[in-house]
Amino acid sequence: MNNLQRLQLETKGISLEQDELTIYLQENELKPFDEYNPQSATNKKRIYQSALSVLESIANNPALMKSVKLDDMTVSDFHENLMNRIDQLERKIRKLKTDEQVANNSNVFILFNN
């Protein structure tokens, strides 16, 4: 699986052109056709950052924020659910470590220095 396929997996149900997804990946320092490495913390973090970029660009589209009524249901929670997902992804990204942080794996920090 390459990085582009992994991003498509993460943004399932969102139909964007391959060129657009490629730009999101490149903005997050990933090459779309390189092999996705699930053991790499940095790679995983960058995929999530790319998915977050996709969701944020969708949130900037005002045409999607209108209320739509289907039969007797109102579909007006789209924006609220989208913003909740963006918040979840932001929290997840903040918690993820990069490969360098995993390699250092130190939970000790110096509070005072003489």
PDB file of N, CA and C in Angstrom:
ATOM      1  N   MET A   1       0.849  -1.165   0.000  1.00  0.00           N
ATOM      2  CA  MET A   1       0.000   0.000   0.000  1.00  0.00           C
ATOM      3  C   MET A   1       0.901   1.237   0.000  1.00  0.00           C
ATOM      4  N   ASN A   2       0.571   2.202  -0.846  1.00  0.00           N
ATOM      5  CA  ASN A   2       1.354   3.430  -0.865  1.00  0.00           C
ATOM      6  C   ASN A   2       0.673   4.513  -0.018  1.00  0.00           C
ATOM      7  N   ASN A   3       1.345   5.656   0.132  1.00  0.00           N
ATOM      8  CA  ASN A   3       0.828   6.730   0.981  1.00  0.00           C
ATOM      9  C   ASN A   3      -0.506   7.270   0.472  1.00  0.00           C
ATOM     10  N   LEU A   4      -0.671   7.349  -0.838  1.00  0.00           N
ATOM     11  CA  LEU A   4      -1.916   7.836  -1.415  1.00  0.00           C
ATOM     12  C   LEU A   4      -3.073   6.903  -1.066  1.00  0.00           C
ATOM     13  N   GLN A   5      -2.859   5.609  -1.186  1.00  0.00           N
ATOM     14  CA  GLN A   5      -3.899   4.639  -0.843  1.00  0.00           C
ATOM     15  C   GLN A   5      -4.238   4.699   0.647  1.00  0.00           C
ATOM     16  N   ARG A   6      -3.226   4.920   1.489  1.00  0.00           N
ATOM     17  CA  ARG A   6      -3.453   5.007   2.932  1.00  0.00           C
ATOM     18  C   ARG A   6      -4.269   6.252   3.276  1.00  0.00           C
ATOM     19  N   LEU A   7      -4.006   7.366   2.591  1.00  0.00           N
ATOM     20  CA  LEU A   7      -4.793   8.582   2.811  1.00  0.00           C
ATOM     21  C   LEU A   7      -6.227   8.383   2.348  1.00  0.00           C
ATOM     22  N   GLN A   8      -6.412   7.699   1.228  1.00  0.00           N
ATOM     23  CA  GLN A   8      -7.765   7.400   0.753  1.00  0.00           C
ATOM     24  C   GLN A   8      -8.505   6.521   1.755  1.00  0.00           C
ATOM     25  N   LEU A   9      -7.790   5.616   2.387  1.00  0.00           N
ATOM     26  CA  LEU A   9      -8.380   4.762   3.414  1.00  0.00           C
ATOM     27  C   LEU A   9      -8.811   5.603   4.618  1.00  0.00           C
ATOM     28  N   GLU A  10      -7.996   6.571   4.987  1.00  0.00           N
ATOM     29  CA  GLU A  10      -8.286   7.424   6.141  1.00  0.00           C
ATOM     30  C   GLU A  10      -9.433   8.396   5.855  1.00  0.00           C
ATOM     31  N   THR A  11      -9.592   8.789   4.595  1.00  0.00           N
ATOM     32  CA  THR A  11     -10.647   9.743   4.225  1.00  0.00           C
ATOM     33  C   THR A  11     -11.742   9.052   3.414  1.00  0.00           C
ATOM     34  N   LYS A  12     -12.049   7.840   3.779  1.00  0.00           N
ATOM     35  CA  LYS A  12     -13.062   7.057   3.066  1.00  0.00           C
ATOM     36  C   LYS A  12     -14.389   7.811   3.058  1.00  0.00           C
ATOM     37  N   GLY A  13     -15.052   7.826   1.922  1.00  0.00           N
ATOM     38  CA  GLY A  13     -16.331   8.507   1.794  1.00  0.00           C
ATOM     39  C   GLY A  13     -16.187   9.935   1.285  1.00  0.00           C
ATOM     40  N   ILE A  14     -14.973  10.431   1.208  1.00  0.00           N
ATOM     41  CA  ILE A  14     -14.725  11.771   0.681  1.00  0.00           C
ATOM     42  C   ILE A  14     -14.123  11.595  -0.699  1.00  0.00           C
ATOM     43  N   SER A  15     -14.824  12.094  -1.696  1.00  0.00           N
ATOM     44  CA  SER A  15     -14.347  11.885  -3.061  1.00  0.00           C
ATOM     45  C   SER A  15     -13.584  13.120  -3.531  1.00  0.00           C
ATOM     46  N   LEU A  16     -12.286  12.977  -3.596  1.00  0.00           N
ATOM     47  CA  LEU A  16     -11.406  14.016  -4.124  1.00  0.00           C
ATOM     48  C   LEU A  16     -10.566  13.404  -5.230  1.00  0.00           C
ATOM     49  N   GLU A  17     -10.135  14.245  -6.147  1.00  0.00           N
ATOM     50  CA  GLU A  17      -9.276  13.788  -7.233  1.00  0.00           C
ATOM     51  C   GLU A  17      -7.918  13.365  -6.676  1.00  0.00           C
ATOM     52  N   GLN A  18      -7.277  12.464  -7.358  1.00  0.00           N
ATOM     53  CA  GLN A  18      -5.970  11.967  -6.941  1.00  0.00           C
ATOM     54  C   GLN A  18      -4.946  13.104  -6.888  1.00  0.00           C
ATOM     55  N   ASP A  19      -5.066  14.065  -7.793  1.00  0.00           N
ATOM     56  CA  ASP A  19      -4.146  15.212  -7.800  1.00  0.00           C
ATOM     57  C   ASP A  19      -4.284  16.033  -6.518  1.00  0.00           C
ATOM     58  N   GLU A  20      -5.513  16.215  -6.058  1.00  0.00           N
ATOM     59  CA  GLU A  20      -5.744  16.981  -4.838  1.00  0.00           C
ATOM     60  C   GLU A  20      -5.154  16.266  -3.627  1.00  0.00           C
ATOM     61  N   LEU A  21      -5.380  14.967  -3.533  1.00  0.00           N
ATOM     62  CA  LEU A  21      -4.834  14.196  -2.417  1.00  0.00           C
ATOM     63  C   LEU A  21      -3.303  14.200  -2.453  1.00  0.00           C
ATOM     64  N   THR A  22      -2.741  14.181  -3.654  1.00  0.00           N
ATOM     65  CA  THR A  22      -1.290  14.230  -3.809  1.00  0.00           C
ATOM     66  C   THR A  22      -0.739  15.531  -3.219  1.00  0.00           C
ATOM     67  N   ILE A  23      -1.421  16.639  -3.460  1.00  0.00           N
ATOM     68  CA  ILE A  23      -0.991  17.931  -2.925  1.00  0.00           C
ATOM     69  C   ILE A  23      -1.011  17.912  -1.398  1.00  0.00           C
ATOM     70  N   TYR A  24      -2.075  17.371  -0.805  1.00  0.00           N
ATOM     71  CA  TYR A  24      -2.161  17.290   0.657  1.00  0.00           C
ATOM     72  C   TYR A  24      -1.003  16.465   1.231  1.00  0.00           C
ATOM     73  N   LEU A  25      -0.671  15.367   0.565  1.00  0.00           N
ATOM     74  CA  LEU A  25       0.442  14.539   1.016  1.00  0.00           C
ATOM     75  C   LEU A  25       1.765  15.280   0.898  1.00  0.00           C
ATOM     76  N   GLN A  26       1.974  15.953  -0.222  1.00  0.00           N
ATOM     77  CA  GLN A  26       3.219  16.674  -0.433  1.00  0.00           C
ATOM     78  C   GLN A  26       3.382  17.819   0.558  1.00  0.00           C
ATOM     79  N   GLU A  27       2.281  18.470   0.914  1.00  0.00           N
ATOM     80  CA  GLU A  27       2.338  19.544   1.904  1.00  0.00           C
ATOM     81  C   GLU A  27       2.754  19.020   3.275  1.00  0.00           C
ATOM     82  N   ASN A  28       2.538  17.742   3.518  1.00  0.00           N
ATOM     83  CA  ASN A  28       2.919  17.124   4.784  1.00  0.00           C
ATOM     84  C   ASN A  28       4.160  16.244   4.635  1.00  0.00           C
ATOM     85  N   GLU A  29       4.962  16.559   3.627  1.00  0.00           N
ATOM     86  CA  GLU A  29       6.267  15.928   3.407  1.00  0.00           C
ATOM     87  C   GLU A  29       6.200  14.427   3.132  1.00  0.00           C
ATOM     88  N   LEU A  30       5.179  14.004   2.406  1.00  0.00           N
ATOM     89  CA  LEU A  30       5.056  12.608   1.998  1.00  0.00           C
ATOM     90  C   LEU A  30       5.000  12.527   0.480  1.00  0.00           C
ATOM     91  N   LYS A  31       5.613  11.508  -0.062  1.00  0.00           N
ATOM     92  CA  LYS A  31       5.519  11.247  -1.494  1.00  0.00           C
ATOM     93  C   LYS A  31       4.365  10.269  -1.695  1.00  0.00           C
ATOM     94  N   PRO A  32       3.425  10.597  -2.580  1.00  0.00           N
ATOM     95  CA  PRO A  32       2.201   9.800  -2.702  1.00  0.00           C
ATOM     96  C   PRO A  32       2.410   8.342  -3.098  1.00  0.00           C
ATOM     97  N   PHE A  33       3.422   8.048  -3.900  1.00  0.00           N
ATOM     98  CA  PHE A  33       3.578   6.680  -4.393  1.00  0.00           C
ATOM     99  C   PHE A  33       4.673   5.900  -3.683  1.00  0.00           C
ATOM    100  N   ASP A  34       5.219   6.480  -2.613  1.00  0.00           N
ATOM    101  CA  ASP A  34       6.163   5.725  -1.781  1.00  0.00           C
ATOM    102  C   ASP A  34       5.380   4.728  -0.939  1.00  0.00           C
ATOM    103  N   GLU A  35       6.030   3.656  -0.590  1.00  0.00           N
ATOM    104  CA  GLU A  35       5.408   2.606   0.221  1.00  0.00           C
ATOM    105  C   GLU A  35       5.064   3.142   1.606  1.00  0.00           C
ATOM    106  N   TYR A  36       3.833   2.893   2.058  1.00  0.00           N
ATOM    107  CA  TYR A  36       3.410   3.299   3.403  1.00  0.00           C
ATOM    108  C   TYR A  36       4.036   2.348   4.415  1.00  0.00           C
ATOM    109  N   ASN A  37       4.675   2.899   5.432  1.00  0.00           N
ATOM    110  CA  ASN A  37       5.318   2.100   6.465  1.00  0.00           C
ATOM    111  C   ASN A  37       4.522   2.241   7.758  1.00  0.00           C
ATOM    112  N   PRO A  38       3.701   1.253   8.111  1.00  0.00           N
ATOM    113  CA  PRO A  38       2.881   1.357   9.321  1.00  0.00           C
ATOM    114  C   PRO A  38       3.689   1.344  10.613  1.00  0.00           C
ATOM    115  N   GLN A  39       4.947   0.888  10.564  1.00  0.00           N
ATOM    116  CA  GLN A  39       5.784   0.882  11.764  1.00  0.00           C
ATOM    117  C   GLN A  39       6.408   2.256  12.021  1.00  0.00           C
ATOM    118  N   SER A  40       6.359   3.132  11.058  1.00  0.00           N
ATOM    119  CA  SER A  40       6.958   4.457  11.198  1.00  0.00           C
ATOM    120  C   SER A  40       5.964   5.413  11.861  1.00  0.00           C
ATOM    121  N   ALA A  41       6.323   5.888  13.038  1.00  0.00           N
ATOM    122  CA  ALA A  41       5.458   6.832  13.758  1.00  0.00           C
ATOM    123  C   ALA A  41       5.344   8.150  12.992  1.00  0.00           C
ATOM    124  N   THR A  42       6.422   8.565  12.374  1.00  0.00           N
ATOM    125  CA  THR A  42       6.406   9.817  11.613  1.00  0.00           C
ATOM    126  C   THR A  42       5.487   9.695  10.405  1.00  0.00           C
ATOM    127  N   ASN A  43       5.560   8.571   9.696  1.00  0.00           N
ATOM    128  CA  ASN A  43       4.719   8.349   8.531  1.00  0.00           C
ATOM    129  C   ASN A  43       3.245   8.369   8.927  1.00  0.00           C
ATOM    130  N   LYS A  44       2.922   7.696  10.008  1.00  0.00           N
ATOM    131  CA  LYS A  44       1.535   7.647  10.475  1.00  0.00           C
ATOM    132  C   LYS A  44       1.038   9.042  10.858  1.00  0.00           C
ATOM    133  N   LYS A  45       1.876   9.793  11.547  1.00  0.00           N
ATOM    134  CA  LYS A  45       1.502  11.149  11.965  1.00  0.00           C
ATOM    135  C   LYS A  45       1.254  12.041  10.749  1.00  0.00           C
ATOM    136  N   ARG A  46       2.101  11.908   9.734  1.00  0.00           N
ATOM    137  CA  ARG A  46       1.940  12.730   8.527  1.00  0.00           C
ATOM    138  C   ARG A  46       0.699  12.350   7.729  1.00  0.00           C
ATOM    139  N   ILE A  47       0.331  11.066   7.743  1.00  0.00           N
ATOM    140  CA  ILE A  47      -0.917  10.647   7.088  1.00  0.00           C
ATOM    141  C   ILE A  47      -2.105  11.299   7.792  1.00  0.00           C
ATOM    142  N   TYR A  48      -2.107  11.265   9.124  1.00  0.00           N
ATOM    143  CA  TYR A  48      -3.188  11.899   9.885  1.00  0.00           C
ATOM    144  C   TYR A  48      -3.212  13.409   9.656  1.00  0.00           C
ATOM    145  N   GLN A  49      -2.052  14.028   9.546  1.00  0.00           N
ATOM    146  CA  GLN A  49      -2.008  15.461   9.269  1.00  0.00           C
ATOM    147  C   GLN A  49      -2.580  15.768   7.884  1.00  0.00           C
ATOM    148  N   SER A  50      -2.321  14.892   6.934  1.00  0.00           N
ATOM    149  CA  SER A  50      -2.878  15.065   5.588  1.00  0.00           C
ATOM    150  C   SER A  50      -4.393  14.911   5.615  1.00  0.00           C
ATOM    151  N   ALA A  51      -4.892  13.930   6.356  1.00  0.00           N
ATOM    152  CA  ALA A  51      -6.336  13.734   6.484  1.00  0.00           C
ATOM    153  C   ALA A  51      -6.973  14.943   7.161  1.00  0.00           C
ATOM    154  N   LEU A  52      -6.296  15.504   8.148  1.00  0.00           N
ATOM    155  CA  LEU A  52      -6.789  16.702   8.817  1.00  0.00           C
ATOM    156  C   LEU A  52      -6.872  17.866   7.834  1.00  0.00           C
ATOM    157  N   SER A  53      -5.881  18.003   6.975  1.00  0.00           N
ATOM    158  CA  SER A  53      -5.891  19.058   5.955  1.00  0.00           C
ATOM    159  C   SER A  53      -7.077  18.897   5.013  1.00  0.00           C
ATOM    160  N   VAL A  54      -7.376  17.662   4.631  1.00  0.00           N
ATOM    161  CA  VAL A  54      -8.527  17.384   3.762  1.00  0.00           C
ATOM    162  C   VAL A  54      -9.812  17.821   4.454  1.00  0.00           C
ATOM    163  N   LEU A  55      -9.980  17.433   5.715  1.00  0.00           N
ATOM    164  CA  LEU A  55     -11.199  17.781   6.447  1.00  0.00           C
ATOM    165  C   LEU A  55     -11.326  19.289   6.655  1.00  0.00           C
ATOM    166  N   GLU A  56     -10.215  19.947   6.912  1.00  0.00           N
ATOM    167  CA  GLU A  56     -10.257  21.400   7.095  1.00  0.00           C
ATOM    168  C   GLU A  56     -10.642  22.111   5.800  1.00  0.00           C
ATOM    169  N   SER A  57     -10.189  21.600   4.669  1.00  0.00           N
ATOM    170  CA  SER A  57     -10.574  22.227   3.399  1.00  0.00           C
ATOM    171  C   SER A  57     -12.057  21.997   3.107  1.00  0.00           C
ATOM    172  N   ILE A  58     -12.579  20.857   3.515  1.00  0.00           N
ATOM    173  CA  ILE A  58     -14.013  20.605   3.364  1.00  0.00           C
ATOM    174  C   ILE A  58     -14.804  21.537   4.277  1.00  0.00           C
ATOM    175  N   ALA A  59     -14.301  21.774   5.479  1.00  0.00           N
ATOM    176  CA  ALA A  59     -14.971  22.659   6.432  1.00  0.00           C
ATOM    177  C   ALA A  59     -14.992  24.098   5.937  1.00  0.00           C
ATOM    178  N   ASN A  60     -14.078  24.457   5.037  1.00  0.00           N
ATOM    179  CA  ASN A  60     -14.044  25.812   4.492  1.00  0.00           C
ATOM    180  C   ASN A  60     -15.000  26.012   3.329  1.00  0.00           C
ATOM    181  N   ASN A  61     -15.745  24.984   2.954  1.00  0.00           N
ATOM    182  CA  ASN A  61     -16.683  25.079   1.837  1.00  0.00           C
ATOM    183  C   ASN A  61     -18.069  25.454   2.370  1.00  0.00           C
ATOM    184  N   PRO A  62     -18.499  26.701   2.217  1.00  0.00           N
ATOM    185  CA  PRO A  62     -19.779  27.134   2.788  1.00  0.00           C
ATOM    186  C   PRO A  62     -20.997  26.456   2.157  1.00  0.00           C
ATOM    187  N   ALA A  63     -20.872  25.938   0.947  1.00  0.00           N
ATOM    188  CA  ALA A  63     -22.005  25.270   0.300  1.00  0.00           C
ATOM    189  C   ALA A  63     -22.404  24.002   1.049  1.00  0.00           C
ATOM    190  N   LEU A  64     -21.456  23.400   1.763  1.00  0.00           N
ATOM    191  CA  LEU A  64     -21.750  22.169   2.497  1.00  0.00           C
ATOM    192  C   LEU A  64     -22.387  22.431   3.862  1.00  0.00           C
ATOM    193  N   MET A  65     -22.424  23.671   4.297  1.00  0.00           N
ATOM    194  CA  MET A  65     -22.894  23.988   5.638  1.00  0.00           C
ATOM    195  C   MET A  65     -24.379  24.320   5.703  1.00  0.00           C
ATOM    196  N   LYS A  66     -25.063  24.301   4.580  1.00  0.00           N
ATOM    197  CA  LYS A  66     -26.482  24.631   4.574  1.00  0.00           C
ATOM    198  C   LYS A  66     -27.308  23.469   5.121  1.00  0.00           C
ATOM    199  N   SER A  67     -28.496  23.773   5.580  1.00  0.00           N
ATOM    200  CA  SER A  67     -29.413  22.737   6.060  1.00  0.00           C
ATOM    201  C   SER A  67     -30.113  22.095   4.868  1.00  0.00           C
ATOM    202  N   VAL A  68     -30.196  20.805   4.892  1.00  0.00           N
ATOM    203  CA  VAL A  68     -30.854  20.054   3.829  1.00  0.00           C
ATOM    204  C   VAL A  68     -31.947  19.220   4.463  1.00  0.00           C
ATOM    205  N   LYS A  69     -33.136  19.232   3.869  1.00  0.00           N
ATOM    206  CA  LYS A  69     -34.243  18.453   4.415  1.00  0.00           C
ATOM    207  C   LYS A  69     -34.576  17.318   3.444  1.00  0.00           C
ATOM    208  N   LEU A  70     -34.473  16.103   3.942  1.00  0.00           N
ATOM    209  CA  LEU A  70     -34.799  14.918   3.165  1.00  0.00           C
ATOM    210  C   LEU A  70     -35.990  14.246   3.816  1.00  0.00           C
ATOM    211  N   ASP A  71     -37.081  14.106   3.066  1.00  0.00           N
ATOM    212  CA  ASP A  71     -38.326  13.556   3.588  1.00  0.00           C
ATOM    213  C   ASP A  71     -38.711  14.341   4.846  1.00  0.00           C
ATOM    214  N   ASP A  72     -38.652  13.729   6.011  1.00  0.00           N
ATOM    215  CA  ASP A  72     -38.988  14.440   7.243  1.00  0.00           C
ATOM    216  C   ASP A  72     -37.781  14.632   8.143  1.00  0.00           C
ATOM    217  N   MET A  73     -36.587  14.483   7.584  1.00  0.00           N
ATOM    218  CA  MET A  73     -35.365  14.635   8.373  1.00  0.00           C
ATOM    219  C   MET A  73     -34.600  15.864   7.895  1.00  0.00           C
ATOM    220  N   THR A  74     -33.959  16.539   8.845  1.00  0.00           N
ATOM    221  CA  THR A  74     -33.098  17.664   8.512  1.00  0.00           C
ATOM    222  C   THR A  74     -31.653  17.238   8.712  1.00  0.00           C
ATOM    223  N   VAL A  75     -30.864  17.407   7.680  1.00  0.00           N
ATOM    224  CA  VAL A  75     -29.460  17.047   7.757  1.00  0.00           C
ATOM    225  C   VAL A  75     -28.675  18.345   7.954  1.00  0.00           C
ATOM    226  N   SER A  76     -28.645  18.802   9.198  1.00  0.00           N
ATOM    227  CA  SER A  76     -27.951  20.057   9.487  1.00  0.00           C
ATOM    228  C   SER A  76     -26.772  19.838  10.420  1.00  0.00           C
ATOM    229  N   ASP A  77     -26.541  18.612  10.822  1.00  0.00           N
ATOM    230  CA  ASP A  77     -25.465  18.324  11.766  1.00  0.00           C
ATOM    231  C   ASP A  77     -24.141  18.032  11.068  1.00  0.00           C
ATOM    232  N   PHE A  78     -24.094  18.158   9.754  1.00  0.00           N
ATOM    233  CA  PHE A  78     -22.878  17.831   9.015  1.00  0.00           C
ATOM    234  C   PHE A  78     -21.691  18.648   9.510  1.00  0.00           C
ATOM    235  N   HIS A  79     -21.887  19.956   9.619  1.00  0.00           N
ATOM    236  CA  HIS A  79     -20.784  20.822  10.032  1.00  0.00           C
ATOM    237  C   HIS A  79     -20.340  20.503  11.454  1.00  0.00           C
ATOM    238  N   GLU A  80     -21.285  20.280  12.324  1.00  0.00           N
ATOM    239  CA  GLU A  80     -20.950  19.957  13.720  1.00  0.00           C
ATOM    240  C   GLU A  80     -20.169  18.649  13.805  1.00  0.00           C
ATOM    241  N   ASN A  81     -20.607  17.638  13.087  1.00  0.00           N
ATOM    242  CA  ASN A  81     -19.898  16.350  13.089  1.00  0.00           C
ATOM    243  C   ASN A  81     -18.516  16.472  12.452  1.00  0.00           C
ATOM    244  N   LEU A  82     -18.414  17.271  11.412  1.00  0.00           N
ATOM    245  CA  LEU A  82     -17.127  17.492  10.754  1.00  0.00           C
ATOM    246  C   LEU A  82     -16.152  18.173  11.711  1.00  0.00           C
ATOM    247  N   MET A  83     -16.623  19.184  12.416  1.00  0.00           N
ATOM    248  CA  MET A  83     -15.763  19.888  13.359  1.00  0.00           C
ATOM    249  C   MET A  83     -15.357  18.975  14.514  1.00  0.00           C
ATOM    250  N   ASN A  84     -16.254  18.105  14.957  1.00  0.00           N
ATOM    251  CA  ASN A  84     -15.907  17.137  15.999  1.00  0.00           C
ATOM    252  C   ASN A  84     -14.807  16.193  15.518  1.00  0.00           C
ATOM    253  N   ARG A  85     -14.904  15.742  14.283  1.00  0.00           N
ATOM    254  CA  ARG A  85     -13.881  14.842  13.722  1.00  0.00           C
ATOM    255  C   ARG A  85     -12.542  15.571  13.590  1.00  0.00           C
ATOM    256  N   ILE A  86     -12.579  16.830  13.199  1.00  0.00           N
ATOM    257  CA  ILE A  86     -11.348  17.623  13.105  1.00  0.00           C
ATOM    258  C   ILE A  86     -10.701  17.734  14.483  1.00  0.00           C
ATOM    259  N   ASP A  87     -11.502  18.005  15.508  1.00  0.00           N
ATOM    260  CA  ASP A  87     -10.977  18.096  16.876  1.00  0.00           C
ATOM    261  C   ASP A  87     -10.371  16.769  17.326  1.00  0.00           C
ATOM    262  N   GLN A  88     -11.031  15.659  16.992  1.00  0.00           N
ATOM    263  CA  GLN A  88     -10.514  14.337  17.362  1.00  0.00           C
ATOM    264  C   GLN A  88      -9.166  14.079  16.690  1.00  0.00           C
ATOM    265  N   LEU A  89      -9.072  14.408  15.409  1.00  0.00           N
ATOM    266  CA  LEU A  89      -7.820  14.201  14.688  1.00  0.00           C
ATOM    267  C   LEU A  89      -6.701  15.079  15.245  1.00  0.00           C
ATOM    268  N   GLU A  90      -7.019  16.328  15.593  1.00  0.00           N
ATOM    269  CA  GLU A  90      -6.005  17.217  16.163  1.00  0.00           C
ATOM    270  C   GLU A  90      -5.463  16.657  17.477  1.00  0.00           C
ATOM    271  N   ARG A  91      -6.356  16.153  18.330  1.00  0.00           N
ATOM    272  CA  ARG A  91      -5.915  15.552  19.600  1.00  0.00           C
ATOM    273  C   ARG A  91      -5.047  14.325  19.339  1.00  0.00           C
ATOM    274  N   LYS A  92      -5.458  13.498  18.395  1.00  0.00           N
ATOM    275  CA  LYS A  92      -4.706  12.286  18.072  1.00  0.00           C
ATOM    276  C   LYS A  92      -3.314  12.628  17.549  1.00  0.00           C
ATOM    277  N   ILE A  93      -3.217  13.634  16.695  1.00  0.00           N
ATOM    278  CA  ILE A  93      -1.942  14.048  16.125  1.00  0.00           C
ATOM    279  C   ILE A  93      -1.018  14.574  17.216  1.00  0.00           C
ATOM    280  N   ARG A  94      -1.563  15.354  18.152  1.00  0.00           N
ATOM    281  CA  ARG A  94      -0.739  15.880  19.241  1.00  0.00           C
ATOM    282  C   ARG A  94      -0.166  14.764  20.097  1.00  0.00           C
ATOM    283  N   LYS A  95      -0.901  13.672  20.261  1.00  0.00           N
ATOM    284  CA  LYS A  95      -0.455  12.556  21.097  1.00  0.00           C
ATOM    285  C   LYS A  95       0.548  11.650  20.395  1.00  0.00           C
ATOM    286  N   LEU A  96       0.517  11.609  19.061  1.00  0.00           N
ATOM    287  CA  LEU A  96       1.421  10.742  18.309  1.00  0.00           C
ATOM    288  C   LEU A  96       2.849  11.257  18.386  1.00  0.00           C
ATOM    289  N   LYS A  97       3.770  10.331  18.496  1.00  0.00           N
ATOM    290  CA  LYS A  97       5.189  10.678  18.508  1.00  0.00           C
ATOM    291  C   LYS A  97       5.776  10.470  17.125  1.00  0.00           C
ATOM    292  N   THR A  98       6.892  11.133  16.878  1.00  0.00           N
ATOM    293  CA  THR A  98       7.628  10.911  15.638  1.00  0.00           C
ATOM    294  C   THR A  98       8.643   9.792  15.882  1.00  0.00           C
ATOM    295  N   ASP A  99       9.301   9.350  14.831  1.00  0.00           N
ATOM    296  CA  ASP A  99      10.305   8.290  14.966  1.00  0.00           C
ATOM    297  C   ASP A  99      11.434   8.712  15.908  1.00  0.00           C
ATOM    298  N   GLU A 100      11.833   9.986  15.852  1.00  0.00           N
ATOM    299  CA  GLU A 100      12.901  10.474  16.714  1.00  0.00           C
ATOM    300  C   GLU A 100      12.480  10.429  18.189  1.00  0.00           C
ATOM    301  N   GLN A 101      11.238  10.804  18.467  1.00  0.00           N
ATOM    302  CA  GLN A 101      10.741  10.783  19.842  1.00  0.00           C
ATOM    303  C   GLN A 101      10.628   9.355  20.366  1.00  0.00           C
ATOM    304  N   VAL A 102      10.250   8.425  19.492  1.00  0.00           N
ATOM    305  CA  VAL A 102      10.153   7.024  19.892  1.00  0.00           C
ATOM    306  C   VAL A 102      11.542   6.474  20.195  1.00  0.00           C
ATOM    307  N   ALA A 103      12.523   6.850  19.378  1.00  0.00           N
ATOM    308  CA  ALA A 103      13.892   6.366  19.574  1.00  0.00           C
ATOM    309  C   ALA A 103      14.475   6.880  20.890  1.00  0.00           C
ATOM    310  N   ASN A 104      14.180   8.127  21.241  1.00  0.00           N
ATOM    311  CA  ASN A 104      14.679   8.694  22.494  1.00  0.00           C
ATOM    312  C   ASN A 104      13.931   8.144  23.697  1.00  0.00           C
ATOM    313  N   ASN A 105      12.665   7.870  23.555  1.00  0.00           N
ATOM    314  CA  ASN A 105      11.788   7.211  24.534  1.00  0.00           C
ATOM    315  C   ASN A 105      12.126   7.543  25.991  1.00  0.00           C
ATOM    316  N   SER A 106      12.372   8.775  26.270  1.00  0.00           N
ATOM    317  CA  SER A 106      12.681   9.199  27.626  1.00  0.00           C
ATOM    318  C   SER A 106      11.498   9.973  28.184  1.00  0.00           C
ATOM    319  N   ASN A 107      11.040   9.574  29.349  1.00  0.00           N
ATOM    320  CA  ASN A 107       9.950  10.278  30.009  1.00  0.00           C
ATOM    321  C   ASN A 107      10.457  11.191  31.106  1.00  0.00           C
ATOM    322  N   VAL A 108      11.754  11.332  31.218  1.00  0.00           N
ATOM    323  CA  VAL A 108      12.366  12.156  32.254  1.00  0.00           C
ATOM    324  C   VAL A 108      12.780  13.489  31.641  1.00  0.00           C
ATOM    325  N   PHE A 109      12.509  14.544  32.352  1.00  0.00           N
ATOM    326  CA  PHE A 109      12.961  15.843  31.894  1.00  0.00           C
ATOM    327  C   PHE A 109      13.576  16.588  33.069  1.00  0.00           C
ATOM    328  N   ILE A 110      14.447  17.526  32.765  1.00  0.00           N
ATOM    329  CA  ILE A 110      15.132  18.287  33.806  1.00  0.00           C
ATOM    330  C   ILE A 110      14.308  19.542  34.096  1.00  0.00           C
ATOM    331  N   LEU A 111      13.862  19.634  35.345  1.00  0.00           N
ATOM    332  CA  LEU A 111      13.068  20.779  35.738  1.00  0.00           C
ATOM    333  C   LEU A 111      13.945  21.926  36.180  1.00  0.00           C
ATOM    334  N   PHE A 112      15.008  21.597  36.926  1.00  0.00           N
ATOM    335  CA  PHE A 112      15.931  22.623  37.397  1.00  0.00           C
ATOM    336  C   PHE A 112      17.323  22.320  36.885  1.00  0.00           C
ATOM    337  N   ASN A 113      18.036  23.360  36.565  1.00  0.00           N
ATOM    338  CA  ASN A 113      19.398  23.211  36.068  1.00  0.00           C
ATOM    339  C   ASN A 113      20.319  24.086  36.915  1.00  0.00           C
ATOM    340  N   ASN A 114      21.381  23.500  37.466  1.00  0.00           N
ATOM    341  CA  ASN A 114      22.311  24.264  38.309  1.00  0.00           C
ATOM    342  C   ASN A 114      23.309  25.002  37.493  1.00  0.00           C
TER     343      ASN A 114
END
